[in-house]
N, C-alpha and C. Protein backbone atom coordinates (compact mmCIF):
# COMPACT_ATOMS: atom_id res chain seq x y z
N MET A 1 10.25 -74.42 -3.09
CA MET A 1 9.47 -73.45 -2.31
C MET A 1 8.42 -74.20 -1.48
N LEU A 2 8.37 -73.88 -0.23
CA LEU A 2 7.38 -74.52 0.65
C LEU A 2 6.08 -73.75 0.61
N PHE A 3 5.00 -74.49 0.50
CA PHE A 3 3.68 -73.88 0.49
C PHE A 3 2.73 -74.82 1.19
N ASN A 4 2.05 -74.32 2.19
CA ASN A 4 1.08 -75.13 2.91
C ASN A 4 -0.25 -75.05 2.17
N SER A 5 -0.69 -76.16 1.65
CA SER A 5 -1.94 -76.15 0.90
C SER A 5 -3.13 -76.56 1.74
N GLU A 6 -2.97 -76.50 3.06
CA GLU A 6 -4.08 -76.79 3.95
C GLU A 6 -4.36 -75.58 4.83
N SER A 7 -5.57 -75.51 5.34
CA SER A 7 -5.96 -74.44 6.23
C SER A 7 -6.91 -75.02 7.28
N VAL A 8 -6.95 -74.37 8.41
CA VAL A 8 -7.93 -74.75 9.43
C VAL A 8 -8.89 -73.59 9.58
N GLY A 9 -10.15 -73.90 9.46
CA GLY A 9 -11.20 -72.89 9.62
C GLY A 9 -12.17 -73.33 10.70
N PHE A 10 -13.03 -72.40 11.07
CA PHE A 10 -14.01 -72.67 12.13
C PHE A 10 -15.38 -72.21 11.66
N HIS A 11 -16.35 -73.08 11.83
CA HIS A 11 -17.72 -72.81 11.39
C HIS A 11 -18.62 -72.73 12.61
N GLY A 12 -19.29 -71.59 12.76
CA GLY A 12 -20.25 -71.42 13.84
C GLY A 12 -21.59 -71.98 13.41
N THR A 13 -22.22 -72.72 14.29
CA THR A 13 -23.50 -73.37 13.97
C THR A 13 -24.29 -73.60 15.25
N SER A 14 -25.29 -74.45 15.17
CA SER A 14 -26.08 -74.81 16.35
C SER A 14 -25.77 -76.25 16.74
N ARG A 15 -26.05 -76.59 17.98
CA ARG A 15 -25.89 -77.98 18.44
C ARG A 15 -26.73 -78.93 17.58
N LEU A 16 -27.90 -78.45 17.16
CA LEU A 16 -28.79 -79.27 16.35
C LEU A 16 -28.16 -79.64 15.00
N ALA A 17 -27.45 -78.69 14.39
CA ALA A 17 -26.82 -78.93 13.10
C ALA A 17 -25.47 -79.63 13.23
N MET A 18 -24.86 -79.58 14.41
CA MET A 18 -23.51 -80.12 14.58
C MET A 18 -23.44 -81.60 14.21
N GLY A 19 -24.38 -82.41 14.67
CA GLY A 19 -24.36 -83.84 14.36
C GLY A 19 -24.38 -84.11 12.87
N ARG A 20 -25.20 -83.37 12.16
CA ARG A 20 -25.30 -83.53 10.71
C ARG A 20 -23.97 -83.15 10.06
N ILE A 21 -23.38 -82.07 10.50
CA ILE A 21 -22.10 -81.62 9.92
C ILE A 21 -21.00 -82.63 10.19
N LEU A 22 -20.93 -83.17 11.40
CA LEU A 22 -19.90 -84.15 11.72
C LEU A 22 -20.07 -85.44 10.92
N LYS A 23 -21.30 -85.72 10.48
CA LYS A 23 -21.55 -86.89 9.61
C LYS A 23 -21.35 -86.53 8.13
N ARG A 24 -20.84 -85.30 7.90
CA ARG A 24 -20.55 -84.79 6.55
C ARG A 24 -21.82 -84.58 5.71
N GLU A 25 -22.92 -84.35 6.39
CA GLU A 25 -24.16 -83.94 5.72
C GLU A 25 -24.19 -82.42 5.76
N ILE A 26 -23.32 -81.83 4.95
CA ILE A 26 -23.07 -80.39 5.00
C ILE A 26 -23.86 -79.69 3.90
N ILE A 27 -24.50 -78.62 4.28
CA ILE A 27 -25.26 -77.82 3.32
C ILE A 27 -24.44 -76.57 3.00
N ARG A 28 -24.14 -76.40 1.72
CA ARG A 28 -23.43 -75.19 1.29
C ARG A 28 -24.45 -74.05 1.16
N SER A 29 -24.06 -72.88 1.60
CA SER A 29 -24.92 -71.71 1.45
C SER A 29 -24.90 -71.28 -0.01
N ASP A 30 -26.08 -71.03 -0.55
CA ASP A 30 -26.15 -70.55 -1.93
C ASP A 30 -27.01 -69.29 -2.03
N GLN A 31 -27.00 -68.53 -0.95
CA GLN A 31 -27.72 -67.26 -0.95
C GLN A 31 -27.08 -66.32 -1.96
N ASN A 32 -27.85 -65.47 -2.60
CA ASN A 32 -27.30 -64.59 -3.64
C ASN A 32 -26.55 -63.38 -3.08
N PHE A 33 -26.33 -63.35 -1.77
CA PHE A 33 -25.66 -62.21 -1.16
C PHE A 33 -24.37 -62.58 -0.45
N GLU A 34 -23.95 -63.84 -0.56
CA GLU A 34 -22.76 -64.31 0.15
C GLU A 34 -21.49 -63.66 -0.39
N TRP A 35 -20.57 -63.35 0.47
CA TRP A 35 -19.32 -62.66 0.11
C TRP A 35 -18.53 -63.39 -0.96
N LEU A 36 -18.38 -64.68 -0.79
CA LEU A 36 -17.48 -65.45 -1.66
C LEU A 36 -18.24 -66.45 -2.53
N GLY A 37 -19.50 -66.20 -2.76
CA GLY A 37 -20.29 -67.10 -3.60
C GLY A 37 -20.75 -68.31 -2.83
N THR A 38 -21.18 -69.31 -3.56
CA THR A 38 -21.71 -70.54 -2.97
C THR A 38 -20.62 -71.29 -2.21
N GLY A 39 -20.94 -71.75 -1.00
CA GLY A 39 -19.97 -72.54 -0.26
C GLY A 39 -20.34 -72.75 1.21
N PHE A 40 -19.56 -73.59 1.83
CA PHE A 40 -19.65 -73.85 3.27
C PHE A 40 -18.61 -72.91 3.90
N TYR A 41 -19.06 -71.92 4.65
CA TYR A 41 -18.22 -70.83 5.12
C TYR A 41 -17.54 -71.12 6.46
N VAL A 42 -16.23 -70.81 6.50
CA VAL A 42 -15.47 -70.92 7.75
C VAL A 42 -14.60 -69.68 7.91
N TRP A 43 -14.33 -69.35 9.17
CA TRP A 43 -13.38 -68.30 9.50
C TRP A 43 -12.02 -68.98 9.64
N GLN A 44 -11.05 -68.61 8.82
CA GLN A 44 -9.72 -69.22 8.90
C GLN A 44 -9.05 -68.79 10.19
N ASP A 45 -8.56 -69.76 10.95
CA ASP A 45 -7.77 -69.52 12.18
C ASP A 45 -8.49 -68.67 13.21
N SER A 46 -9.82 -68.65 13.21
CA SER A 46 -10.52 -67.80 14.16
C SER A 46 -11.72 -68.50 14.82
N PRO A 47 -11.46 -69.35 15.80
CA PRO A 47 -12.58 -69.96 16.51
C PRO A 47 -13.40 -68.91 17.26
N TRP A 48 -12.77 -67.78 17.61
CA TRP A 48 -13.44 -66.72 18.37
C TRP A 48 -14.57 -66.11 17.57
N LEU A 49 -14.31 -65.77 16.30
CA LEU A 49 -15.37 -65.19 15.47
C LEU A 49 -16.47 -66.21 15.18
N ALA A 50 -16.08 -67.46 14.97
CA ALA A 50 -17.09 -68.51 14.74
C ALA A 50 -17.98 -68.65 15.96
N ARG A 51 -17.37 -68.65 17.14
CA ARG A 51 -18.13 -68.77 18.39
C ARG A 51 -19.03 -67.55 18.59
N GLN A 52 -18.50 -66.37 18.34
CA GLN A 52 -19.29 -65.14 18.49
C GLN A 52 -20.49 -65.16 17.55
N TRP A 53 -20.28 -65.55 16.31
CA TRP A 53 -21.37 -65.61 15.32
C TRP A 53 -22.41 -66.65 15.76
N ALA A 54 -21.94 -67.83 16.19
CA ALA A 54 -22.86 -68.89 16.62
C ALA A 54 -23.69 -68.47 17.83
N ARG A 55 -23.07 -67.79 18.78
CA ARG A 55 -23.81 -67.34 19.97
C ARG A 55 -24.83 -66.26 19.61
N MET A 56 -24.46 -65.37 18.68
CA MET A 56 -25.41 -64.35 18.24
C MET A 56 -26.62 -65.00 17.56
N ARG A 57 -26.38 -66.02 16.81
CA ARG A 57 -27.42 -66.69 16.02
C ARG A 57 -28.22 -67.72 16.81
N HIS A 58 -27.53 -68.49 17.68
CA HIS A 58 -28.14 -69.66 18.31
C HIS A 58 -28.10 -69.62 19.84
N SER A 59 -27.67 -68.54 20.42
CA SER A 59 -27.52 -68.36 21.87
C SER A 59 -27.01 -69.62 22.58
N GLU A 60 -27.78 -70.18 23.50
CA GLU A 60 -27.28 -71.31 24.29
C GLU A 60 -27.10 -72.60 23.49
N LEU A 61 -27.62 -72.64 22.27
CA LEU A 61 -27.44 -73.83 21.42
C LEU A 61 -26.24 -73.69 20.48
N ALA A 62 -25.41 -72.66 20.69
CA ALA A 62 -24.26 -72.40 19.81
C ALA A 62 -23.25 -73.54 19.86
N ALA A 63 -22.63 -73.79 18.72
CA ALA A 63 -21.58 -74.81 18.62
C ALA A 63 -20.59 -74.36 17.54
N VAL A 64 -19.36 -74.89 17.65
CA VAL A 64 -18.32 -74.55 16.67
C VAL A 64 -17.63 -75.83 16.23
N VAL A 65 -17.43 -75.94 14.93
CA VAL A 65 -16.70 -77.08 14.39
C VAL A 65 -15.41 -76.58 13.74
N ALA A 66 -14.30 -77.30 14.03
CA ALA A 66 -13.03 -77.03 13.36
C ALA A 66 -13.02 -77.84 12.08
N VAL A 67 -12.52 -77.21 11.02
CA VAL A 67 -12.54 -77.83 9.70
C VAL A 67 -11.15 -77.71 9.08
N ARG A 68 -10.53 -78.86 8.78
CA ARG A 68 -9.25 -78.84 8.07
C ARG A 68 -9.55 -79.00 6.59
N ILE A 69 -9.02 -78.06 5.78
CA ILE A 69 -9.39 -77.96 4.37
C ILE A 69 -8.14 -78.06 3.50
N ASP A 70 -8.26 -78.79 2.40
CA ASP A 70 -7.23 -78.82 1.36
C ASP A 70 -7.48 -77.64 0.43
N LEU A 71 -6.51 -76.73 0.32
CA LEU A 71 -6.68 -75.52 -0.49
C LEU A 71 -6.21 -75.71 -1.94
N ASP A 72 -5.91 -76.93 -2.34
CA ASP A 72 -5.56 -77.17 -3.73
C ASP A 72 -6.79 -76.81 -4.59
N GLY A 73 -6.60 -76.01 -5.59
CA GLY A 73 -7.72 -75.58 -6.42
C GLY A 73 -8.51 -74.42 -5.81
N CYS A 74 -7.85 -73.65 -4.94
CA CYS A 74 -8.51 -72.52 -4.26
C CYS A 74 -8.41 -71.25 -5.11
N LEU A 75 -9.51 -70.56 -5.26
CA LEU A 75 -9.50 -69.21 -5.81
C LEU A 75 -9.05 -68.33 -4.64
N ASP A 76 -7.74 -68.18 -4.50
CA ASP A 76 -7.16 -67.53 -3.35
C ASP A 76 -6.94 -66.05 -3.67
N LEU A 77 -7.77 -65.21 -3.12
CA LEU A 77 -7.72 -63.80 -3.45
C LEU A 77 -6.58 -63.05 -2.75
N PHE A 78 -5.70 -63.81 -2.06
CA PHE A 78 -4.42 -63.25 -1.62
C PHE A 78 -3.52 -63.07 -2.85
N ASN A 79 -3.76 -63.89 -3.87
CA ASN A 79 -2.93 -63.92 -5.08
C ASN A 79 -3.43 -62.89 -6.09
N PRO A 80 -2.59 -61.91 -6.46
CA PRO A 80 -3.03 -60.86 -7.39
C PRO A 80 -3.50 -61.40 -8.75
N ARG A 81 -3.01 -62.57 -9.15
CA ARG A 81 -3.46 -63.16 -10.42
C ARG A 81 -4.97 -63.31 -10.44
N TRP A 82 -5.50 -63.86 -9.35
CA TRP A 82 -6.94 -64.09 -9.29
C TRP A 82 -7.70 -62.78 -9.19
N GLN A 83 -7.13 -61.80 -8.53
CA GLN A 83 -7.80 -60.49 -8.43
C GLN A 83 -8.00 -59.92 -9.84
N TRP A 84 -6.98 -60.01 -10.67
CA TRP A 84 -7.05 -59.52 -12.05
C TRP A 84 -8.12 -60.29 -12.83
N GLU A 85 -8.13 -61.60 -12.67
CA GLU A 85 -9.11 -62.41 -13.40
C GLU A 85 -10.54 -62.10 -12.94
N LEU A 86 -10.73 -61.86 -11.65
CA LEU A 86 -12.06 -61.48 -11.16
C LEU A 86 -12.49 -60.12 -11.70
N LEU A 87 -11.55 -59.21 -11.81
CA LEU A 87 -11.83 -57.90 -12.40
C LEU A 87 -12.38 -58.07 -13.81
N GLN A 88 -11.75 -58.93 -14.59
CA GLN A 88 -12.21 -59.20 -15.97
C GLN A 88 -13.60 -59.84 -15.97
N THR A 89 -13.82 -60.79 -15.08
CA THR A 89 -15.13 -61.46 -14.99
C THR A 89 -16.21 -60.46 -14.61
N ASP A 90 -15.89 -59.57 -13.68
CA ASP A 90 -16.88 -58.56 -13.27
C ASP A 90 -17.21 -57.63 -14.42
N ALA A 91 -16.21 -57.22 -15.19
CA ALA A 91 -16.45 -56.35 -16.33
C ALA A 91 -17.38 -57.05 -17.34
N ASP A 92 -17.14 -58.34 -17.58
CA ASP A 92 -18.00 -59.10 -18.50
C ASP A 92 -19.42 -59.23 -17.93
N LEU A 93 -19.52 -59.43 -16.62
CA LEU A 93 -20.81 -59.55 -15.97
C LEU A 93 -21.62 -58.25 -16.11
N VAL A 94 -20.98 -57.13 -15.83
CA VAL A 94 -21.65 -55.83 -15.94
C VAL A 94 -22.10 -55.60 -17.38
N ALA A 95 -21.23 -55.87 -18.34
CA ALA A 95 -21.59 -55.69 -19.76
C ALA A 95 -22.78 -56.54 -20.14
N ALA A 96 -22.81 -57.79 -19.67
CA ALA A 96 -23.92 -58.69 -19.99
C ALA A 96 -25.24 -58.19 -19.38
N TYR A 97 -25.18 -57.75 -18.12
CA TYR A 97 -26.39 -57.24 -17.49
C TYR A 97 -26.92 -56.00 -18.22
N LEU A 98 -26.02 -55.08 -18.56
CA LEU A 98 -26.43 -53.86 -19.25
C LEU A 98 -26.97 -54.18 -20.64
N ALA A 99 -26.35 -55.10 -21.36
CA ALA A 99 -26.81 -55.49 -22.70
C ALA A 99 -28.21 -56.09 -22.64
N GLU A 100 -28.51 -56.77 -21.53
CA GLU A 100 -29.83 -57.38 -21.36
C GLU A 100 -30.83 -56.42 -20.73
N GLY A 101 -30.38 -55.23 -20.39
CA GLY A 101 -31.27 -54.24 -19.78
C GLY A 101 -31.65 -54.56 -18.34
N ARG A 102 -30.82 -55.35 -17.69
CA ARG A 102 -31.09 -55.72 -16.29
C ARG A 102 -30.24 -54.90 -15.35
N ALA A 103 -30.69 -54.74 -14.13
CA ALA A 103 -29.94 -54.01 -13.11
C ALA A 103 -28.76 -54.87 -12.66
N VAL A 104 -27.60 -54.24 -12.57
CA VAL A 104 -26.38 -54.92 -12.10
C VAL A 104 -26.52 -55.17 -10.61
N PRO A 105 -26.18 -56.39 -10.15
CA PRO A 105 -26.26 -56.64 -8.70
C PRO A 105 -25.38 -55.64 -7.93
N VAL A 106 -25.79 -55.34 -6.70
CA VAL A 106 -25.07 -54.36 -5.89
C VAL A 106 -24.64 -54.97 -4.56
N ASN A 107 -23.52 -54.48 -4.05
CA ASN A 107 -23.08 -54.81 -2.70
C ASN A 107 -23.63 -53.72 -1.78
N ARG A 108 -24.25 -54.15 -0.69
CA ARG A 108 -24.81 -53.18 0.28
C ARG A 108 -24.37 -53.55 1.67
N GLY A 109 -23.34 -52.92 2.16
CA GLY A 109 -22.94 -53.11 3.54
C GLY A 109 -22.51 -54.53 3.86
N ALA A 110 -22.08 -54.71 5.10
CA ALA A 110 -21.63 -56.02 5.56
C ALA A 110 -22.79 -57.01 5.51
N GLY A 111 -22.50 -58.16 4.96
CA GLY A 111 -23.50 -59.23 4.95
C GLY A 111 -24.35 -59.29 3.71
N PHE A 112 -24.27 -58.32 2.81
CA PHE A 112 -25.06 -58.40 1.57
C PHE A 112 -24.15 -58.00 0.41
N ARG A 113 -23.56 -59.00 -0.22
CA ARG A 113 -22.57 -58.79 -1.29
C ARG A 113 -23.02 -59.46 -2.57
N ALA A 114 -24.15 -59.02 -3.10
CA ALA A 114 -24.74 -59.65 -4.29
C ALA A 114 -23.82 -59.60 -5.50
N ARG A 115 -23.15 -58.49 -5.71
CA ARG A 115 -22.26 -58.38 -6.88
C ARG A 115 -21.02 -59.25 -6.71
N ASP A 116 -20.42 -59.21 -5.54
CA ASP A 116 -19.28 -60.11 -5.28
C ASP A 116 -19.69 -61.56 -5.51
N CYS A 117 -20.83 -61.94 -4.97
CA CYS A 117 -21.34 -63.30 -5.06
C CYS A 117 -21.52 -63.70 -6.53
N GLU A 118 -22.20 -62.86 -7.28
CA GLU A 118 -22.48 -63.15 -8.69
C GLU A 118 -21.18 -63.26 -9.49
N THR A 119 -20.24 -62.34 -9.25
CA THR A 119 -18.97 -62.35 -9.99
C THR A 119 -18.16 -63.59 -9.66
N ILE A 120 -18.05 -63.94 -8.39
CA ILE A 120 -17.27 -65.11 -7.99
C ILE A 120 -17.92 -66.38 -8.49
N ASN A 121 -19.24 -66.51 -8.35
CA ASN A 121 -19.91 -67.72 -8.85
C ASN A 121 -19.70 -67.85 -10.36
N ARG A 122 -19.84 -66.76 -11.08
CA ARG A 122 -19.66 -66.79 -12.53
C ARG A 122 -18.22 -67.20 -12.89
N PHE A 123 -17.24 -66.60 -12.20
CA PHE A 123 -15.86 -66.96 -12.46
C PHE A 123 -15.63 -68.45 -12.22
N CYS A 124 -16.10 -68.95 -11.08
CA CYS A 124 -15.89 -70.36 -10.73
C CYS A 124 -16.57 -71.30 -11.74
N GLU A 125 -17.77 -70.95 -12.18
CA GLU A 125 -18.47 -71.77 -13.16
C GLU A 125 -17.72 -71.79 -14.50
N GLU A 126 -17.22 -70.63 -14.93
CA GLU A 126 -16.46 -70.56 -16.19
C GLU A 126 -15.13 -71.31 -16.08
N ALA A 127 -14.46 -71.18 -14.92
CA ALA A 127 -13.20 -71.89 -14.71
C ALA A 127 -13.42 -73.40 -14.76
N GLU A 128 -14.48 -73.86 -14.09
CA GLU A 128 -14.77 -75.30 -14.10
C GLU A 128 -15.09 -75.79 -15.50
N ALA A 129 -15.85 -75.01 -16.27
CA ALA A 129 -16.19 -75.38 -17.63
C ALA A 129 -14.94 -75.49 -18.51
N SER A 130 -13.91 -74.74 -18.17
CA SER A 130 -12.67 -74.79 -18.96
C SER A 130 -11.65 -75.78 -18.36
N GLY A 131 -12.08 -76.58 -17.38
CA GLY A 131 -11.22 -77.61 -16.82
C GLY A 131 -10.38 -77.21 -15.63
N LEU A 132 -10.68 -76.08 -15.02
CA LEU A 132 -9.95 -75.60 -13.84
C LEU A 132 -10.92 -75.37 -12.69
N PRO A 133 -11.34 -76.45 -12.02
CA PRO A 133 -12.33 -76.28 -10.94
C PRO A 133 -11.78 -75.49 -9.77
N MET A 134 -12.57 -74.53 -9.31
CA MET A 134 -12.25 -73.76 -8.12
C MET A 134 -12.98 -74.44 -6.97
N ARG A 135 -12.23 -75.14 -6.14
CA ARG A 135 -12.81 -75.98 -5.11
C ARG A 135 -13.14 -75.21 -3.84
N SER A 136 -12.51 -74.04 -3.68
CA SER A 136 -12.79 -73.17 -2.54
C SER A 136 -12.41 -71.76 -2.94
N VAL A 137 -12.83 -70.80 -2.12
CA VAL A 137 -12.51 -69.38 -2.34
C VAL A 137 -12.07 -68.82 -1.00
N ARG A 138 -10.98 -68.02 -1.01
CA ARG A 138 -10.48 -67.45 0.24
C ARG A 138 -10.19 -65.97 0.03
N ALA A 139 -10.56 -65.14 1.02
CA ALA A 139 -10.31 -63.71 0.94
C ALA A 139 -10.22 -63.09 2.32
N ILE A 140 -9.62 -61.91 2.36
CA ILE A 140 -9.53 -61.11 3.59
C ILE A 140 -10.67 -60.10 3.60
N PHE A 141 -11.28 -59.91 4.74
CA PHE A 141 -12.33 -58.91 4.88
C PHE A 141 -11.97 -57.95 6.00
N GLU A 142 -11.92 -56.68 5.67
CA GLU A 142 -11.69 -55.62 6.65
C GLU A 142 -13.05 -55.16 7.14
N GLU A 143 -13.35 -55.41 8.39
CA GLU A 143 -14.65 -55.03 8.94
C GLU A 143 -14.49 -54.45 10.33
N GLY A 144 -15.47 -53.71 10.73
CA GLY A 144 -15.51 -53.18 12.08
C GLY A 144 -14.92 -51.79 12.16
N GLU A 145 -14.79 -51.34 13.39
CA GLU A 145 -14.25 -50.00 13.68
C GLU A 145 -12.74 -50.06 13.82
N ALA A 146 -12.08 -48.93 13.66
CA ALA A 146 -10.65 -48.86 13.91
C ALA A 146 -10.39 -49.22 15.37
N ILE A 147 -9.33 -49.99 15.63
CA ILE A 147 -9.09 -50.40 17.02
C ILE A 147 -8.58 -49.24 17.87
N PHE A 148 -8.05 -48.20 17.26
CA PHE A 148 -7.73 -46.94 17.92
C PHE A 148 -7.75 -45.84 16.87
N GLU A 149 -7.79 -44.61 17.31
CA GLU A 149 -7.89 -43.48 16.37
C GLU A 149 -6.83 -43.56 15.28
N ALA A 150 -7.26 -43.41 14.05
CA ALA A 150 -6.41 -43.40 12.85
C ALA A 150 -5.81 -44.76 12.50
N SER A 151 -6.22 -45.83 13.17
CA SER A 151 -5.69 -47.15 12.86
C SER A 151 -6.35 -47.73 11.61
N ALA A 152 -5.57 -48.44 10.82
CA ALA A 152 -6.11 -49.17 9.68
C ALA A 152 -6.53 -50.57 10.10
N ILE A 153 -6.25 -50.94 11.34
CA ILE A 153 -6.61 -52.26 11.86
C ILE A 153 -8.05 -52.20 12.36
N ARG A 154 -8.86 -53.14 11.92
CA ARG A 154 -10.29 -53.15 12.25
C ARG A 154 -10.62 -54.23 13.28
N THR A 155 -11.66 -53.98 14.03
CA THR A 155 -12.04 -54.88 15.13
C THR A 155 -12.55 -56.24 14.66
N ARG A 156 -13.09 -56.34 13.46
CA ARG A 156 -13.66 -57.60 12.99
C ARG A 156 -13.03 -58.10 11.69
N SER A 157 -11.81 -57.68 11.41
CA SER A 157 -11.14 -58.16 10.19
C SER A 157 -10.90 -59.66 10.31
N HIS A 158 -10.99 -60.35 9.19
CA HIS A 158 -10.85 -61.80 9.21
C HIS A 158 -10.58 -62.34 7.81
N VAL A 159 -10.17 -63.59 7.79
CA VAL A 159 -10.03 -64.33 6.54
C VAL A 159 -11.14 -65.36 6.52
N GLN A 160 -11.85 -65.41 5.40
CA GLN A 160 -12.92 -66.38 5.26
C GLN A 160 -12.62 -67.31 4.10
N VAL A 161 -13.06 -68.55 4.24
CA VAL A 161 -12.96 -69.53 3.17
C VAL A 161 -14.36 -70.06 2.91
N ALA A 162 -14.73 -70.08 1.64
CA ALA A 162 -15.99 -70.71 1.23
C ALA A 162 -15.61 -72.01 0.52
N VAL A 163 -15.97 -73.12 1.13
CA VAL A 163 -15.66 -74.43 0.55
C VAL A 163 -16.75 -74.76 -0.45
N ARG A 164 -16.39 -74.81 -1.72
CA ARG A 164 -17.34 -75.12 -2.79
C ARG A 164 -17.44 -76.63 -2.99
N ASP A 165 -16.31 -77.31 -2.98
CA ASP A 165 -16.24 -78.76 -3.17
C ASP A 165 -16.02 -79.40 -1.81
N LEU A 166 -17.03 -80.05 -1.29
CA LEU A 166 -16.96 -80.58 0.07
C LEU A 166 -15.94 -81.70 0.23
N SER A 167 -15.46 -82.26 -0.88
CA SER A 167 -14.42 -83.29 -0.77
C SER A 167 -13.08 -82.69 -0.33
N THR A 168 -12.95 -81.37 -0.33
CA THR A 168 -11.72 -80.73 0.15
C THR A 168 -11.66 -80.68 1.68
N ILE A 169 -12.75 -81.03 2.33
CA ILE A 169 -12.76 -81.08 3.79
C ILE A 169 -12.09 -82.38 4.23
N LEU A 170 -10.94 -82.23 4.86
CA LEU A 170 -10.14 -83.38 5.25
C LEU A 170 -10.53 -83.91 6.61
N GLU A 171 -10.98 -83.02 7.49
CA GLU A 171 -11.27 -83.42 8.86
C GLU A 171 -12.24 -82.43 9.49
N LEU A 172 -13.12 -82.94 10.32
CA LEU A 172 -14.08 -82.13 11.08
C LEU A 172 -14.00 -82.52 12.55
N GLU A 173 -14.08 -81.53 13.43
CA GLU A 173 -14.05 -81.83 14.84
C GLU A 173 -14.80 -80.76 15.63
N GLU A 174 -15.68 -81.17 16.50
CA GLU A 174 -16.36 -80.22 17.37
C GLU A 174 -15.36 -79.68 18.37
N ILE A 175 -15.42 -78.37 18.61
CA ILE A 175 -14.52 -77.81 19.62
C ILE A 175 -15.33 -77.33 20.81
N ASP A 176 -14.68 -77.32 21.97
CA ASP A 176 -15.35 -76.89 23.20
C ASP A 176 -15.69 -75.42 23.14
N GLN A 177 -16.79 -75.09 23.74
CA GLN A 177 -17.21 -73.68 23.83
C GLN A 177 -16.51 -73.09 25.01
């Protein structure tokens, strides 16, 4: 069976950060609201969304880097096996929070996914402790408005990869705006 274990993603950033990234001085986001937990985020196969995000954030200083990633050891949420395992991790997380009398993290709209983040980080930490490191996380996100009336296709749907282990980055290249 043929399986491509590599992916190309695009990271929107600023010209100021581009030099650092190309020298592999990469900072992983560890905000408690990230969709896929801790990682260096890229849009898979979508330089357009990376460019749009960079321009929104950095206007004339926007830059985009292409990133070739080894997906070996990926918590790939295309695979139903991992979806089931995350469901179990989330149930354990909720039980632990309630047992401790703490509020369970909540997801609130696009861009603030505290519960997803907490569940994925917890799963990855437990997997690594048991000898199965999750080096990246990949998922589909349905976002935006319907592209036409009654359509299930959304204007901003995309696949995102959060690179947890920076050694999975095989190649970096600045792309033209």
